[in-house]
Amino acid sequence: MKVAICAQGTHLDAPMDLRFGRCPYFVVADPQTGEWEHVPNPGPGAAGGAGIQAAQLMIKLKVDAVITGRLGPNAMEVLKKAGIKVYEGTVGTVRQNLEAYRQNRLPLLTQPNAPGDHKP
């Protein structure tokens, strides 16, 4: 299983970034084994479509779930169609949000919680 967490940095103790399409990095972790890697997000500098680009990256990385703070309708649609679950994270570190996910303490998002076409 692979979970992608929006991150401001390249490690587990980095602050979680609440933005999906415009976070600088994703930390992709296996909650069972604890293995992880960081992946740069292509979206922060995009003029538009950052959420869709990030969602397409999640599909390419074959993640099963995403932990983010805010997610727009276009990205949500792409993730839903790919069968990727989205969980609403909280302020804190990547590690704290991964642990909350392991303990089933993060709410599952079934609808977007941010407007579309959000600029940085």
Protein backbone atom coordinates (compact mmCIF):
# COMPACT_ATOMS: atom_id res chain seq x y z
CA MET A 1 0.00 0.00 0.00
CA LYS A 2 1.21 3.51 -0.81
CA VAL A 3 0.00 6.75 0.74
CA ALA A 4 1.02 10.19 -0.58
CA ILE A 5 1.12 13.06 1.92
CA CYS A 6 1.38 16.69 0.80
CA ALA A 7 4.60 18.06 2.26
CA GLN A 8 6.55 21.28 2.58
CA GLY A 9 9.82 19.34 2.70
CA THR A 10 11.47 16.09 1.69
CA HIS A 11 11.21 14.01 4.87
CA LEU A 12 8.77 12.56 7.39
CA ASP A 13 9.30 15.38 9.88
CA ALA A 14 8.52 18.08 7.31
CA PRO A 15 5.36 20.09 7.91
CA MET A 16 2.38 18.81 6.01
CA ASP A 17 1.30 21.22 3.27
CA LEU A 18 -2.46 21.71 3.20
CA ARG A 19 -2.45 22.39 -0.56
CA PHE A 20 -2.73 19.45 -2.93
CA GLY A 21 -1.93 20.87 -6.35
CA ARG A 22 0.59 23.42 -5.15
CA CYS A 23 2.47 21.63 -2.38
CA PRO A 24 6.20 21.46 -3.18
CA TYR A 25 6.56 17.72 -2.46
CA PHE A 26 4.72 14.52 -1.79
CA VAL A 27 6.10 12.06 0.73
CA VAL A 28 4.99 8.64 -0.47
CA ALA A 29 5.01 6.09 2.33
CA ASP A 30 4.05 2.50 2.96
CA PRO A 31 2.18 2.58 6.30
CA GLN A 32 2.91 -1.10 6.98
CA THR A 33 6.66 -1.16 6.34
CA GLY A 34 7.51 2.47 7.13
CA GLU A 35 9.45 2.80 3.86
CA TRP A 36 9.10 6.20 2.19
CA GLU A 37 10.42 8.47 -0.53
CA HIS A 38 9.85 12.08 -1.51
CA VAL A 39 8.65 13.13 -4.94
CA PRO A 40 8.66 16.71 -6.27
CA ASN A 41 5.22 18.00 -7.26
CA PRO A 42 5.06 19.37 -10.81
CA GLY A 43 2.24 21.78 -9.90
CA PRO A 44 3.57 24.64 -7.75
CA GLY A 45 4.71 26.74 -10.70
CA ALA A 46 1.87 25.85 -13.06
CA ALA A 47 -0.27 28.68 -14.42
CA GLY A 48 -3.32 26.43 -14.13
CA GLY A 49 -4.27 22.78 -13.77
CA ALA A 50 -1.94 22.17 -10.82
CA GLY A 51 -4.42 19.85 -9.10
CA ILE A 52 -4.93 17.77 -12.22
CA GLN A 53 -1.16 17.48 -12.74
CA ALA A 54 -0.71 16.36 -9.13
CA ALA A 55 -3.57 13.85 -9.45
CA GLN A 56 -2.01 12.41 -12.61
CA LEU A 57 1.27 12.05 -10.70
CA MET A 58 -0.57 10.07 -8.00
CA ILE A 59 -1.85 7.69 -10.68
CA LYS A 60 1.66 7.32 -12.13
CA LEU A 61 3.05 6.59 -8.65
CA LYS A 62 0.28 4.01 -8.09
CA VAL A 63 -0.72 5.37 -4.71
CA ASP A 64 -3.76 3.98 -2.93
CA ALA A 65 -4.54 7.08 -0.88
CA VAL A 66 -3.70 10.77 -0.58
CA ILE A 67 -3.57 12.86 2.60
CA THR A 68 -4.12 16.56 1.97
CA GLY A 69 -5.77 19.58 3.52
CA ARG A 70 -7.61 21.00 0.52
CA LEU A 71 -8.61 19.44 -2.76
CA GLY A 72 -10.47 21.03 -5.67
CA PRO A 73 -13.17 19.46 -7.83
CA ASN A 74 -11.02 18.67 -10.89
CA ALA A 75 -8.34 16.87 -8.91
CA MET A 76 -11.01 15.05 -6.87
CA GLU A 77 -12.64 13.80 -10.06
CA VAL A 78 -9.34 12.46 -11.43
CA LEU A 79 -8.48 10.72 -8.15
CA LYS A 80 -11.98 9.24 -7.76
CA LYS A 81 -11.91 7.82 -11.30
CA ALA A 82 -8.55 6.22 -10.51
CA GLY A 83 -9.89 4.68 -7.28
CA ILE A 84 -7.53 6.69 -5.08
CA LYS A 85 -8.99 7.55 -1.67
CA VAL A 86 -8.50 11.04 -0.26
CA TYR A 87 -8.15 11.78 3.44
CA GLU A 88 -8.23 15.17 5.10
CA GLY A 89 -5.02 15.77 7.00
CA THR A 90 -4.35 18.24 9.76
CA VAL A 91 -1.71 20.80 10.61
CA GLY A 92 1.39 18.97 11.79
CA THR A 93 4.15 16.90 10.28
CA VAL A 94 4.00 14.29 7.57
CA ARG A 95 4.82 11.68 10.21
CA GLN A 96 1.94 12.80 12.46
CA ASN A 97 -0.52 12.61 9.60
CA LEU A 98 0.75 9.19 8.53
CA GLU A 99 0.31 7.95 12.10
CA ALA A 100 -3.23 9.40 12.23
CA TYR A 101 -3.95 7.57 8.97
CA ARG A 102 -2.64 4.30 10.44
CA GLN A 103 -4.98 4.77 13.40
CA ASN A 104 -7.99 5.54 11.15
CA ARG A 105 -8.29 9.06 12.64
CA LEU A 106 -8.41 11.01 9.37
CA PRO A 107 -11.75 11.73 7.72
CA LEU A 108 -12.32 10.34 4.24
CA LEU A 109 -13.13 13.09 1.73
CA THR A 110 -15.85 12.15 -0.74
CA GLN A 111 -16.34 15.66 -2.12
CA PRO A 112 -13.91 18.48 -2.93
CA ASN A 113 -13.31 20.87 -0.02
CA ALA A 114 -11.73 23.71 -2.02
CA PRO A 115 -12.87 25.73 -5.02
CA GLY A 116 -11.49 24.92 -8.45
CA ASP A 117 -8.86 26.98 -10.26
CA HIS A 118 -7.22 28.16 -7.07
CA LYS A 119 -4.05 30.16 -7.67
CA PRO A 120 -1.05 30.20 -5.29
